Amino acid sequence: MAQVGQLDFKQFLETRKGALPKPKDGGEPGEAGGDDAAPVYAYASDHATRMAFTKLKPVELAVTAAVRAFKALGKNQFLGNAVRVGPNQFPRVHKLVLECASTLGVTPPTLYITNSPVMNAMTVGTNDDSFIVVHSALIDYFTDAELLIVIGHETGHIHNNHVVYLTALYYLRNMASIFLKWMVLPADLALSGWMRRAEITCDRAGLLCCKDVDVSRRALAKLALGSSKLHEEFDIEAFAEQYEEGKAGAGRYAELTASHPWISKRLKALKAFGESELYRRHVGAGDAGLTMAEVDEKVHEIISVA
């Protein structure tokens, strides 16, 4: 069975120290140093896990099949009822897309809004044909500042070359026949383990775009709460501390099949990135702060399931 969770953490911290460049003065915080180099803000475990996929045949087969399906049918299925955002179509949202793209130093992605009461967003496609889909519930419930972390998060998936793997996992979970679940399980587990790491990277991308730790954490917390009526009474710090209770007991292993870390973990991980030198320099808060290796070490302890 394909496994991606047994990576040497000390080894990829050394990768973080040696291979990832510092952002250039006045330049984009996401600048990378080559085709295989991750953006400087990326969670090192995300990048190391994705590099390990080259040795996993189930993942390779899943990605190949997903790209083929997307090119043949998937794009039309996704976009049949979605509305494309542009300069003349929801220009306020389009401006947020341009702002995120400028921050991360990427070509502005195509964004669509689809009618859904579920607060969600996704990025799908191929490396050369990807797009972001945002559910209408998010547009209604989130402020513009909060939408920046959503759009920045999804743009981070594109910036980090996550898209084909996201698409593969989508097809594995939503399109595969129930009779074939046992065949796709190895790829599903491998991709889910990677995606939990990738979400940490892209939460950081969203924070770089939003430039406000409190706003970014509030946006994540809204995804957990769901209720606009209760939001004003919501104690985010108390919710984040639920993480401590979740560390004990066998129930925590249920997260191994999840595609996202628990939101309480993401809140703590995002706070750790907000203490980094990289982020503090980005928002003009001075040069003092944690190195990215130190941040990744803290985050590894937070999101680890074992």
Protein backbone atom coordinates (compact mmCIF):
# COMPACT_ATOMS: atom_id res chain seq x y z
CA MET A 1 0.00 0.00 0.00
CA ALA A 2 1.23 3.48 -0.85
CA GLN A 3 2.50 5.38 2.15
CA VAL A 4 3.62 8.99 2.38
CA GLY A 5 3.63 9.50 6.12
CA GLN A 6 7.02 7.97 6.95
CA LEU A 7 9.18 10.86 5.80
CA ASP A 8 12.26 11.82 7.80
CA PHE A 9 11.25 15.12 9.41
CA LYS A 10 14.81 16.12 10.31
CA GLN A 11 15.86 15.50 6.73
CA PHE A 12 13.24 17.77 5.21
CA LEU A 13 14.00 20.45 7.79
CA GLU A 14 17.54 20.40 6.44
CA THR A 15 16.00 20.79 2.98
CA ARG A 16 14.15 23.80 4.30
CA LYS A 17 17.39 25.30 5.64
CA GLY A 18 19.49 24.67 2.58
CA ALA A 19 17.42 24.65 -0.58
CA LEU A 20 14.71 27.25 -0.21
CA PRO A 21 15.75 30.81 -1.01
CA LYS A 22 14.95 33.91 1.01
CA PRO A 23 12.52 36.32 -0.63
CA LYS A 24 14.33 39.06 -2.49
CA ASP A 25 14.21 42.54 -0.97
CA GLY A 26 10.97 44.16 -2.06
CA GLY A 27 10.03 41.06 -4.04
CA GLU A 28 7.31 38.48 -3.80
CA PRO A 29 7.25 36.30 -0.67
CA GLY A 30 6.56 33.25 -2.79
CA GLU A 31 9.69 33.43 -4.93
CA ALA A 32 11.30 30.03 -5.53
CA GLY A 33 14.67 29.06 -6.85
CA GLY A 34 13.99 26.51 -9.58
CA ASP A 35 11.52 24.07 -11.14
CA ASP A 36 11.65 21.68 -8.16
CA ALA A 37 12.05 24.34 -5.46
CA ALA A 38 9.01 25.08 -3.33
CA PRO A 39 7.94 28.66 -2.65
CA VAL A 40 9.76 29.96 0.39
CA TYR A 41 6.61 29.96 2.54
CA ALA A 42 5.69 26.32 1.76
CA TYR A 43 5.43 23.77 4.54
CA ALA A 44 8.46 21.57 3.93
CA SER A 45 6.53 18.35 4.61
CA ASP A 46 4.09 19.24 1.81
CA HIS A 47 6.91 19.65 -0.69
CA ALA A 48 8.83 16.55 0.45
CA THR A 49 5.69 14.41 0.31
CA ARG A 50 4.83 15.59 -3.17
CA MET A 51 8.33 14.81 -4.36
CA ALA A 52 7.88 11.28 -2.96
CA PHE A 53 4.88 10.75 -5.26
CA THR A 54 7.24 10.12 -8.15
CA LYS A 55 7.93 6.72 -6.57
CA LEU A 56 4.28 5.77 -5.97
CA LYS A 57 2.70 3.97 -8.90
CA PRO A 58 -0.91 4.20 -7.56
CA VAL A 59 -0.61 7.98 -7.39
CA GLU A 60 0.89 8.19 -10.86
CA LEU A 61 -1.98 6.13 -12.29
CA ALA A 62 -4.58 8.21 -10.43
CA VAL A 63 -3.11 11.48 -11.68
CA THR A 64 -2.94 10.24 -15.28
CA ALA A 65 -6.56 9.10 -15.18
CA ALA A 66 -7.75 12.31 -13.52
CA VAL A 67 -6.05 14.55 -16.07
CA ARG A 68 -7.55 12.51 -18.90
CA ALA A 69 -11.03 12.68 -17.36
CA PHE A 70 -10.76 16.40 -16.67
CA LYS A 71 -9.75 17.19 -20.24
CA ALA A 72 -12.55 15.03 -21.67
CA LEU A 73 -15.47 15.88 -19.37
CA GLY A 74 -14.51 17.49 -16.10
CA LYS A 75 -14.10 21.13 -17.07
CA ASN A 76 -17.53 21.31 -18.69
CA GLN A 77 -19.12 19.53 -15.73
CA PHE A 78 -17.59 22.00 -13.29
CA LEU A 79 -18.40 25.10 -15.27
CA GLY A 80 -21.83 24.35 -16.71
CA ASN A 81 -23.59 26.55 -14.17
CA ALA A 82 -20.71 28.57 -12.69
CA VAL A 83 -20.19 32.28 -13.39
CA ARG A 84 -16.72 33.48 -14.36
CA VAL A 85 -15.36 36.48 -12.48
CA GLY A 86 -13.69 39.22 -14.51
CA PRO A 87 -13.17 42.99 -14.83
CA ASN A 88 -16.82 43.46 -15.84
CA GLN A 89 -18.31 40.54 -13.91
CA PHE A 90 -18.07 41.05 -10.14
CA PRO A 91 -15.13 43.47 -10.42
CA ARG A 92 -14.85 43.70 -6.62
CA VAL A 93 -14.05 39.99 -6.38
CA HIS A 94 -11.85 40.21 -9.47
CA LYS A 95 -9.77 42.89 -7.74
CA LEU A 96 -9.16 40.46 -4.85
CA VAL A 97 -7.93 37.85 -7.34
CA LEU A 98 -5.48 40.34 -8.85
CA GLU A 99 -4.26 41.34 -5.39
CA CYS A 100 -3.55 37.72 -4.39
CA ALA A 101 -1.82 36.96 -7.67
CA SER A 102 0.40 40.02 -7.27
CA THR A 103 1.31 39.06 -3.71
CA LEU A 104 2.32 35.52 -4.65
CA GLY A 105 3.90 36.52 -7.95
CA VAL A 106 1.75 34.34 -10.22
CA THR A 107 -0.48 34.87 -13.24
CA PRO A 108 -3.98 35.82 -12.04
CA PRO A 109 -6.02 32.61 -11.93
CA THR A 110 -9.47 32.24 -13.42
CA LEU A 111 -12.13 32.21 -10.71
CA TYR A 112 -15.73 31.04 -10.95
CA ILE A 113 -18.60 31.42 -8.50
CA THR A 114 -21.08 28.56 -8.24
CA ASN A 115 -24.43 28.44 -6.47
CA SER A 116 -24.02 26.39 -3.31
CA PRO A 117 -25.13 26.81 0.33
CA VAL A 118 -21.99 24.97 1.49
CA MET A 119 -19.08 27.22 2.43
CA ASN A 120 -16.30 25.82 0.30
CA ALA A 121 -13.82 26.57 -2.47
CA MET A 122 -11.65 24.35 -4.63
CA THR A 123 -8.96 24.42 -7.27
CA VAL A 124 -9.04 21.84 -10.07
CA GLY A 125 -7.61 21.21 -13.50
CA THR A 126 -4.19 20.48 -14.91
CA ASN A 127 -0.88 22.28 -14.59
CA ASP A 128 -1.59 24.30 -17.72
CA ASP A 129 -5.37 24.66 -17.36
CA SER A 130 -6.50 25.26 -13.78
CA PHE A 131 -9.18 27.38 -12.19
CA ILE A 132 -10.70 28.23 -8.82
CA VAL A 133 -14.34 27.61 -7.89
CA VAL A 134 -15.80 29.52 -4.92
CA HIS A 135 -19.22 28.65 -3.52
CA SER A 136 -21.72 31.49 -3.28
CA ALA A 137 -22.14 30.88 0.48
CA LEU A 138 -18.58 32.05 1.04
CA ILE A 139 -19.17 35.22 -0.95
CA ASP A 140 -22.23 36.01 1.17
CA TYR A 141 -20.76 35.15 4.57
CA PHE A 142 -17.16 36.37 4.28
CA THR A 143 -15.92 39.95 4.28
CA ASP A 144 -13.58 41.04 1.48
CA ALA A 145 -10.63 40.73 3.86
CA GLU A 146 -11.69 37.17 4.70
CA LEU A 147 -12.19 36.34 1.03
CA LEU A 148 -8.54 37.29 0.49
CA ILE A 149 -7.41 34.29 2.54
CA VAL A 150 -9.79 32.01 0.60
CA ILE A 151 -8.63 33.23 -2.80
CA GLY A 152 -5.01 33.35 -1.62
CA HIS A 153 -5.29 29.81 -0.28
CA GLU A 154 -6.59 28.50 -3.60
CA THR A 155 -4.03 30.53 -5.56
CA GLY A 156 -1.41 28.93 -3.31
CA HIS A 157 -2.43 25.53 -4.65
CA ILE A 158 -1.65 26.75 -8.17
CA HIS A 159 1.60 28.42 -7.06
CA ASN A 160 2.79 25.18 -5.41
CA ASN A 161 1.92 22.88 -8.35
CA HIS A 162 -0.75 21.08 -6.34
CA VAL A 163 -3.49 21.15 -8.96
CA VAL A 164 -3.17 17.77 -10.67
CA TYR A 165 -3.02 16.02 -7.31
CA LEU A 166 -6.09 17.89 -6.04
CA THR A 167 -7.92 16.90 -9.21
CA ALA A 168 -6.84 13.28 -8.81
CA LEU A 169 -8.13 13.17 -5.23
CA TYR A 170 -11.41 14.80 -6.30
CA TYR A 171 -12.00 12.14 -8.93
CA LEU A 172 -10.98 9.32 -6.61
CA ARG A 173 -13.48 10.44 -3.97
CA ASN A 174 -16.35 11.65 -6.12
CA MET A 175 -16.22 9.80 -9.42
CA ALA A 176 -14.81 6.33 -8.72
CA SER A 177 -17.39 3.54 -8.64
CA ILE A 178 -18.18 2.21 -5.18
CA PHE A 179 -17.17 -1.19 -6.50
CA LEU A 180 -13.68 0.09 -7.24
CA LYS A 181 -13.01 1.71 -3.87
CA TRP A 182 -10.67 -1.05 -2.81
CA MET A 183 -8.59 -0.49 -5.95
CA VAL A 184 -8.20 3.25 -5.45
CA LEU A 185 -7.63 3.11 -1.68
CA PRO A 186 -3.80 3.19 -1.85
CA ALA A 187 -3.79 6.34 -3.96
CA ASP A 188 -6.58 7.87 -1.86
CA LEU A 189 -4.66 7.41 1.40
CA ALA A 190 -1.42 8.72 -0.11
CA LEU A 191 -3.07 11.79 -1.60
CA SER A 192 -5.08 12.50 1.57
CA GLY A 193 -1.92 12.37 3.69
CA TRP A 194 -0.23 14.80 1.32
CA MET A 195 -3.23 17.13 1.10
CA ARG A 196 -3.35 17.63 4.85
CA ARG A 197 0.19 19.00 4.53
CA ALA A 198 -0.66 21.00 1.41
CA GLU A 199 -3.49 22.76 3.24
CA ILE A 200 -0.96 24.12 5.73
CA THR A 201 1.10 25.56 2.88
CA CYS A 202 -1.94 27.21 1.33
CA ASP A 203 -3.23 28.63 4.60
CA ARG A 204 0.11 30.43 4.69
CA ALA A 205 -0.41 31.68 1.13
CA GLY A 206 -3.80 33.01 2.18
CA LEU A 207 -2.29 34.82 5.16
CA LEU A 208 0.38 36.40 2.95
CA CYS A 209 -2.45 37.75 0.78
CA CYS A 210 -4.68 38.84 3.68
CA LYS A 211 -1.79 40.25 5.77
CA ASP A 212 -3.76 39.94 9.01
CA VAL A 213 -3.40 36.93 11.32
CA ASP A 214 -6.61 37.65 13.25
CA VAL A 215 -8.73 38.05 10.12
CA SER A 216 -7.26 34.92 8.58
CA ARG A 217 -7.89 32.82 11.67
CA ARG A 218 -11.42 34.20 11.93
CA ALA A 219 -12.10 33.13 8.34
CA LEU A 220 -10.93 29.59 9.13
CA ALA A 221 -13.02 29.52 12.30
CA LYS A 222 -16.11 30.54 10.33
CA LEU A 223 -15.73 27.36 8.29
CA ALA A 224 -16.01 25.33 11.49
CA LEU A 225 -18.94 27.27 12.96
CA GLY A 226 -21.10 27.77 9.91
CA SER A 227 -23.62 29.98 11.72
CA SER A 228 -23.69 33.70 11.00
CA LYS A 229 -25.99 34.25 14.01
CA LEU A 230 -23.49 32.81 16.48
CA HIS A 231 -20.35 34.29 14.99
CA GLU A 232 -20.25 37.41 17.18
CA GLU A 233 -20.23 35.18 20.29
CA PHE A 234 -17.61 32.78 18.93
CA ASP A 235 -14.46 32.49 21.07
CA ILE A 236 -11.79 31.49 18.54
CA GLU A 237 -9.09 30.89 21.15
CA ALA A 238 -11.33 28.54 23.13
CA PHE A 239 -12.09 26.67 19.91
CA ALA A 240 -8.40 26.42 19.03
CA GLU A 241 -7.69 24.90 22.44
CA GLN A 242 -10.03 22.02 21.60
CA TYR A 243 -6.92 20.78 19.78
CA GLU A 244 -5.45 19.75 23.13
CA GLU A 245 -8.42 17.48 23.89
CA GLY A 246 -8.24 16.00 20.41
CA LYS A 247 -4.63 14.90 20.91
CA ALA A 248 -5.69 12.04 23.19
CA GLY A 249 -7.74 8.95 22.40
CA ALA A 250 -7.98 6.59 19.48
CA GLY A 251 -10.50 8.82 17.75
CA ARG A 252 -7.72 11.09 16.55
CA TYR A 253 -6.73 8.44 13.99
CA ALA A 254 -9.94 9.15 12.07
CA GLU A 255 -8.06 12.15 10.70
CA LEU A 256 -5.84 9.79 8.71
CA THR A 257 -8.58 9.47 6.08
CA ALA A 258 -9.40 13.20 6.06
CA SER A 259 -8.26 15.50 3.26
CA HIS A 260 -7.88 18.48 5.63
CA PRO A 261 -6.36 18.78 9.11
CA TRP A 262 -8.86 19.60 11.86
CA ILE A 263 -9.58 23.33 11.78
CA SER A 264 -8.44 23.73 15.39
CA LYS A 265 -5.02 22.49 14.26
CA ARG A 266 -4.98 24.82 11.27
CA LEU A 267 -5.68 27.79 13.54
CA LYS A 268 -2.66 26.97 15.71
CA ALA A 269 -0.46 26.25 12.68
CA LEU A 270 -1.40 29.56 11.07
CA LYS A 271 -0.61 31.43 14.27
CA ALA A 272 2.86 29.84 14.25
CA PHE A 273 3.48 31.07 10.69
CA GLY A 274 2.34 34.53 11.78
CA GLU A 275 5.31 34.53 14.20
CA SER A 276 7.82 33.86 11.42
CA GLU A 277 10.45 36.30 10.25
CA LEU A 278 9.21 35.83 6.69
CA TYR A 279 5.66 36.91 7.50
CA ARG A 280 6.69 39.74 9.83
CA ARG A 281 8.96 41.18 7.13
CA HIS A 282 6.14 40.83 4.61
CA VAL A 283 3.76 42.99 6.67
CA GLY A 284 6.44 45.45 7.80
CA ALA A 285 6.53 44.27 11.42
CA GLY A 286 10.32 44.04 11.62
CA ASP A 287 12.91 41.32 11.06
CA ALA A 288 12.59 39.47 14.36
CA GLY A 289 10.76 36.17 14.24
CA LEU A 290 11.00 32.42 13.87
CA THR A 291 12.93 30.87 10.99
CA MET A 292 10.86 28.76 8.61
CA ALA A 293 12.61 25.65 9.95
CA GLU A 294 11.44 26.57 13.45
CA VAL A 295 7.92 27.24 12.22
CA ASP A 296 7.80 23.90 10.40
CA GLU A 297 9.00 22.08 13.49
CA LYS A 298 6.22 23.63 15.57
CA VAL A 299 3.65 22.89 12.87
CA HIS A 300 4.80 19.28 12.56
CA GLU A 301 4.07 18.78 16.25
CA ILE A 302 0.65 20.43 15.88
CA ILE A 303 -0.68 18.52 12.88
CA SER A 304 0.89 15.12 13.56
CA VAL A 305 -1.80 12.49 14.03
CA ALA A 306 0.35 9.92 15.87
